Amino acid sequence: MLEQKSQCEVEVRQTDSHGTITARDNYELTRNIPKCVGVERLCESANIQIPFNTDKINLIYQLGEQGKVETCASPSAILPQIKDDNTKQIVRTTLKKLNSLSEETCAELTATIKRRKVTERDHSIKTRLAKAKAQAEQPTVAKGKQHKIHSKGKGDMTL
């Protein structure tokens, strides 16, 4: 189900056969381009929604793999090398949240994030290339500029 929250915000919800919300994705429209700003997935064991903000989404995009074990292994491996406390906290929180999801939900979340990011990247590149192409096709006209050439004994010549 798609619901417009405001002029620039949209929420997409997915429900199971009993009507329970299993996934909720929030988007902002920036220059008519949708950008995912948050997702929630159902933690079936506790029957609560687990939220993931933009930082956690980006981490999952960069380090996520096909399964839950593989997805959690990469952030766990880099955790000891992280010096920045904020980054370390983001990684720890993301791991905790991923571990609370079922294998199936974690795999779906990772696959969805990767598809969405690739689509956003491709759309961005296509948009920039189209603008550059349109700009290159427009003729450039020098307005009223005349260059004078000075030469000895012949006076000024205007081109």
C-alpha atoms as a PDB file:
ATOM      1  CA  MET A   1       0.000   0.000   0.000  1.00  0.00           C
ATOM      2  CA  LEU A   2       1.249   3.469  -0.904  1.00  0.00           C
ATOM      3  CA  GLU A   3       0.333   6.449   1.267  1.00  0.00           C
ATOM      4  CA  GLN A   4       1.305  10.067   0.718  1.00  0.00           C
ATOM      5  CA  LYS A   5       2.258  11.539   4.099  1.00  0.00           C
ATOM      6  CA  SER A   6       2.946  15.080   2.890  1.00  0.00           C
ATOM      7  CA  GLN A   7       3.772  16.873  -0.327  1.00  0.00           C
ATOM      8  CA  CYS A   8       7.303  15.461  -0.254  1.00  0.00           C
ATOM      9  CA  GLU A   9       6.913  12.269   1.795  1.00  0.00           C
ATOM     10  CA  VAL A  10       5.543   8.867   0.819  1.00  0.00           C
ATOM     11  CA  GLU A  11       5.219   5.649   2.822  1.00  0.00           C
ATOM     12  CA  VAL A  12       5.068   2.192   1.263  1.00  0.00           C
ATOM     13  CA  ARG A  13       3.696  -0.635   3.412  1.00  0.00           C
ATOM     14  CA  GLN A  14       3.629  -4.364   2.829  1.00  0.00           C
ATOM     15  CA  THR A  15       1.312  -6.628   4.795  1.00  0.00           C
ATOM     16  CA  ASP A  16       1.009 -10.357   5.244  1.00  0.00           C
ATOM     17  CA  SER A  17      -2.160 -12.410   4.685  1.00  0.00           C
ATOM     18  CA  HIS A  18      -3.423 -11.473   8.181  1.00  0.00           C
ATOM     19  CA  GLY A  19      -3.049  -7.721   7.571  1.00  0.00           C
ATOM     20  CA  THR A  20       0.051  -7.350   9.767  1.00  0.00           C
ATOM     21  CA  ILE A  21       2.517  -4.785   8.430  1.00  0.00           C
ATOM     22  CA  THR A  22       5.723  -6.667   7.621  1.00  0.00           C
ATOM     23  CA  ALA A  23       7.615  -3.861   5.890  1.00  0.00           C
ATOM     24  CA  ARG A  24       7.405  -0.082   5.845  1.00  0.00           C
ATOM     25  CA  ASP A  25       9.620   2.111   3.624  1.00  0.00           C
ATOM     26  CA  ASN A  26       9.649   5.907   3.802  1.00  0.00           C
ATOM     27  CA  TYR A  27      10.653   8.101   0.884  1.00  0.00           C
ATOM     28  CA  GLU A  28      11.275  11.812   0.408  1.00  0.00           C
ATOM     29  CA  LEU A  29      10.885  13.460  -2.964  1.00  0.00           C
ATOM     30  CA  THR A  30      13.775  15.737  -3.840  1.00  0.00           C
ATOM     31  CA  ARG A  31      13.458  17.394  -7.254  1.00  0.00           C
ATOM     32  CA  ASN A  32      10.883  14.710  -8.133  1.00  0.00           C
ATOM     33  CA  ILE A  33      13.373  11.953  -7.346  1.00  0.00           C
ATOM     34  CA  PRO A  34      12.302   9.535  -4.586  1.00  0.00           C
ATOM     35  CA  LYS A  35      14.971   8.830  -1.981  1.00  0.00           C
ATOM     36  CA  CYS A  36      14.567   6.218   0.729  1.00  0.00           C
ATOM     37  CA  VAL A  37      15.082   7.825   4.152  1.00  0.00           C
ATOM     38  CA  GLY A  38      14.030   4.979   6.410  1.00  0.00           C
ATOM     39  CA  VAL A  39      12.793   1.422   6.475  1.00  0.00           C
ATOM     40  CA  GLU A  40      11.180  -0.796   9.079  1.00  0.00           C
ATOM     41  CA  ARG A  41      10.955  -4.564   9.125  1.00  0.00           C
ATOM     42  CA  LEU A  42       8.890  -6.805  11.363  1.00  0.00           C
ATOM     43  CA  CYS A  43      10.730  -8.685  14.080  1.00  0.00           C
ATOM     44  CA  GLU A  44       8.475 -11.730  14.149  1.00  0.00           C
ATOM     45  CA  SER A  45       9.642 -13.050  17.534  1.00  0.00           C
ATOM     46  CA  ALA A  46       8.750  -9.792  19.335  1.00  0.00           C
ATOM     47  CA  ASN A  47       6.040  -8.629  16.890  1.00  0.00           C
ATOM     48  CA  ILE A  48       7.582  -5.128  16.633  1.00  0.00           C
ATOM     49  CA  GLN A  49       8.912  -3.067  13.759  1.00  0.00           C
ATOM     50  CA  ILE A  50      12.702  -2.637  13.667  1.00  0.00           C
ATOM     51  CA  PRO A  51      13.628   0.791  12.183  1.00  0.00           C
ATOM     52  CA  PHE A  52      16.678   1.439   9.990  1.00  0.00           C
ATOM     53  CA  ASN A  53      17.680   5.045   9.249  1.00  0.00           C
ATOM     54  CA  THR A  54      19.718   6.325   6.302  1.00  0.00           C
ATOM     55  CA  ASP A  55      23.098   5.555   7.927  1.00  0.00           C
ATOM     56  CA  LYS A  56      22.101   1.959   8.619  1.00  0.00           C
ATOM     57  CA  ILE A  57      20.613   1.584   5.128  1.00  0.00           C
ATOM     58  CA  ASN A  58      23.893   2.783   3.594  1.00  0.00           C
ATOM     59  CA  LEU A  59      25.891   0.371   5.761  1.00  0.00           C
ATOM     60  CA  ILE A  60      23.704  -2.550   4.691  1.00  0.00           C
ATOM     61  CA  TYR A  61      24.066  -1.465   1.060  1.00  0.00           C
ATOM     62  CA  GLN A  62      27.853  -1.354   1.304  1.00  0.00           C
ATOM     63  CA  LEU A  63      28.410  -4.510   3.346  1.00  0.00           C
ATOM     64  CA  GLY A  64      25.272  -6.594   2.908  1.00  0.00           C
ATOM     65  CA  GLU A  65      25.429 -10.056   1.390  1.00  0.00           C
ATOM     66  CA  GLN A  66      22.800 -12.612   0.352  1.00  0.00           C
ATOM     67  CA  GLY A  67      22.063 -14.225   3.707  1.00  0.00           C
ATOM     68  CA  LYS A  68      21.782 -13.022   7.285  1.00  0.00           C
ATOM     69  CA  VAL A  69      24.995 -14.722   8.448  1.00  0.00           C
ATOM     70  CA  GLU A  70      27.010 -13.232   5.576  1.00  0.00           C
ATOM     71  CA  THR A  71      25.393  -9.799   5.974  1.00  0.00           C
ATOM     72  CA  CYS A  72      26.274  -9.697   9.682  1.00  0.00           C
ATOM     73  CA  ALA A  73      29.794 -11.100   9.153  1.00  0.00           C
ATOM     74  CA  SER A  74      31.189  -8.117   7.217  1.00  0.00           C
ATOM     75  CA  PRO A  75      30.247  -5.388   9.729  1.00  0.00           C
ATOM     76  CA  SER A  76      31.393  -7.657  12.591  1.00  0.00           C
ATOM     77  CA  ALA A  77      34.768  -8.079  10.899  1.00  0.00           C
ATOM     78  CA  ILE A  78      35.383  -4.339  10.467  1.00  0.00           C
ATOM     79  CA  LEU A  79      34.110  -3.304  13.910  1.00  0.00           C
ATOM     80  CA  PRO A  80      37.500  -3.656  15.684  1.00  0.00           C
ATOM     81  CA  GLN A  81      39.198  -1.382  13.115  1.00  0.00           C
ATOM     82  CA  ILE A  82      36.682   1.481  13.413  1.00  0.00           C
ATOM     83  CA  LYS A  83      38.121   4.420  15.347  1.00  0.00           C
ATOM     84  CA  ASP A  84      35.200   6.880  15.185  1.00  0.00           C
ATOM     85  CA  ASP A  85      32.751   6.346  18.071  1.00  0.00           C
ATOM     86  CA  ASN A  86      29.690   7.438  16.045  1.00  0.00           C
ATOM     87  CA  THR A  87      30.502   5.049  13.211  1.00  0.00           C
ATOM     88  CA  LYS A  88      31.196   2.259  15.681  1.00  0.00           C
ATOM     89  CA  GLN A  89      27.790   2.859  17.296  1.00  0.00           C
ATOM     90  CA  ILE A  90      26.037   2.801  13.891  1.00  0.00           C
ATOM     91  CA  VAL A  91      27.684  -0.539  13.056  1.00  0.00           C
ATOM     92  CA  ARG A  92      26.848  -2.050  16.471  1.00  0.00           C
ATOM     93  CA  THR A  93      23.227  -0.901  16.319  1.00  0.00           C
ATOM     94  CA  THR A  94      22.840  -2.144  12.747  1.00  0.00           C
ATOM     95  CA  LEU A  95      24.213  -5.564  13.708  1.00  0.00           C
ATOM     96  CA  LYS A  96      21.872  -5.782  16.693  1.00  0.00           C
ATOM     97  CA  LYS A  97      18.889  -4.910  14.508  1.00  0.00           C
ATOM     98  CA  LEU A  98      19.870  -7.309  11.727  1.00  0.00           C
ATOM     99  CA  ASN A  99      20.326 -10.126  14.249  1.00  0.00           C
ATOM    100  CA  SER A 100      16.792  -9.553  15.549  1.00  0.00           C
ATOM    101  CA  LEU A 101      15.329 -10.205  12.079  1.00  0.00           C
ATOM    102  CA  SER A 102      14.540 -13.616  10.659  1.00  0.00           C
ATOM    103  CA  GLU A 103      16.823 -15.043   7.976  1.00  0.00           C
ATOM    104  CA  GLU A 104      14.157 -14.446   5.329  1.00  0.00           C
ATOM    105  CA  THR A 105      13.403 -10.868   6.414  1.00  0.00           C
ATOM    106  CA  CYS A 106      17.102  -9.974   6.603  1.00  0.00           C
ATOM    107  CA  ALA A 107      17.755 -11.372   3.109  1.00  0.00           C
ATOM    108  CA  GLU A 108      14.732  -9.486   1.724  1.00  0.00           C
ATOM    109  CA  LEU A 109      15.849  -6.245   3.393  1.00  0.00           C
ATOM    110  CA  THR A 110      19.387  -6.520   2.031  1.00  0.00           C
ATOM    111  CA  ALA A 111      18.193  -7.361  -1.501  1.00  0.00           C
ATOM    112  CA  THR A 112      15.667  -4.503  -1.468  1.00  0.00           C
ATOM    113  CA  ILE A 113      18.248  -1.977  -0.279  1.00  0.00           C
ATOM    114  CA  LYS A 114      20.751  -3.076  -2.918  1.00  0.00           C
ATOM    115  CA  ARG A 115      18.171  -2.895  -5.743  1.00  0.00           C
ATOM    116  CA  ARG A 116      16.962   0.518  -4.580  1.00  0.00           C
ATOM    117  CA  LYS A 117      20.468   1.976  -4.306  1.00  0.00           C
ATOM    118  CA  VAL A 118      21.447   0.690  -7.748  1.00  0.00           C
ATOM    119  CA  THR A 119      18.251   2.186  -9.192  1.00  0.00           C
ATOM    120  CA  GLU A 120      18.903   5.524  -7.459  1.00  0.00           C
ATOM    121  CA  ARG A 121      22.499   5.535  -8.709  1.00  0.00           C
ATOM    122  CA  ASP A 122      21.513   4.619 -12.267  1.00  0.00           C
ATOM    123  CA  HIS A 123      18.736   7.205 -12.326  1.00  0.00           C
ATOM    124  CA  SER A 124      21.124   9.854 -11.069  1.00  0.00           C
ATOM    125  CA  ILE A 125      23.693   9.002 -13.741  1.00  0.00           C
ATOM    126  CA  LYS A 126      21.057   8.896 -16.493  1.00  0.00           C
ATOM    127  CA  THR A 127      19.650  12.248 -15.379  1.00  0.00           C
ATOM    128  CA  ARG A 128      23.066  13.919 -15.312  1.00  0.00           C
ATOM    129  CA  LEU A 129      24.005  12.468 -18.710  1.00  0.00           C
ATOM    130  CA  ALA A 130      20.712  13.634 -20.241  1.00  0.00           C
ATOM    131  CA  LYS A 131      21.253  17.162 -18.888  1.00  0.00           C
ATOM    132  CA  ALA A 132      24.833  17.231 -20.130  1.00  0.00           C
ATOM    133  CA  LYS A 133      23.754  16.000 -23.567  1.00  0.00           C
ATOM    134  CA  ALA A 134      20.980  18.610 -23.805  1.00  0.00           C
ATOM    135  CA  GLN A 135      23.384  21.337 -22.754  1.00  0.00           C
ATOM    136  CA  ALA A 136      25.986  20.206 -25.292  1.00  0.00           C
ATOM    137  CA  GLU A 137      23.413  20.285 -28.090  1.00  0.00           C
ATOM    138  CA  GLN A 138      22.459  23.909 -27.442  1.00  0.00           C
ATOM    139  CA  PRO A 139      24.333  26.334 -29.697  1.00  0.00           C
ATOM    140  CA  THR A 140      26.660  28.768 -28.023  1.00  0.00           C
ATOM    141  CA  VAL A 141      26.634  32.322 -29.360  1.00  0.00           C
ATOM    142  CA  ALA A 142      29.148  35.027 -28.541  1.00  0.00           C
ATOM    143  CA  LYS A 143      27.129  38.197 -28.119  1.00  0.00           C
ATOM    144  CA  GLY A 144      28.483  41.283 -29.871  1.00  0.00           C
ATOM    145  CA  LYS A 145      32.122  40.630 -29.128  1.00  0.00           C
ATOM    146  CA  GLN A 146      34.475  41.941 -31.701  1.00  0.00           C
ATOM    147  CA  HIS A 147      38.181  41.428 -31.560  1.00  0.00           C
ATOM    148  CA  LYS A 148      40.571  44.079 -32.836  1.00  0.00           C
ATOM    149  CA  ILE A 149      43.828  43.113 -34.405  1.00  0.00           C
ATOM    150  CA  HIS A 150      46.565  45.673 -34.205  1.00  0.00           C
ATOM    151  CA  SER A 151      49.283  45.664 -36.831  1.00  0.00           C
ATOM    152  CA  LYS A 152      51.996  48.191 -37.637  1.00  0.00           C
ATOM    153  CA  GLY A 153      51.149  50.758 -40.259  1.00  0.00           C
ATOM    154  CA  LYS A 154      47.865  49.244 -41.346  1.00  0.00           C
ATOM    155  CA  GLY A 155      45.595  50.621 -38.650  1.00  0.00           C
ATOM    156  CA  ASP A 156      43.091  48.659 -36.654  1.00  0.00           C
ATOM    157  CA  MET A 157      41.157  45.876 -38.282  1.00  0.00           C
ATOM    158  CA  THR A 158      37.869  44.700 -36.835  1.00  0.00           C
ATOM    159  CA  LEU A 159      36.906  41.078 -37.244  1.00  0.00           C
END
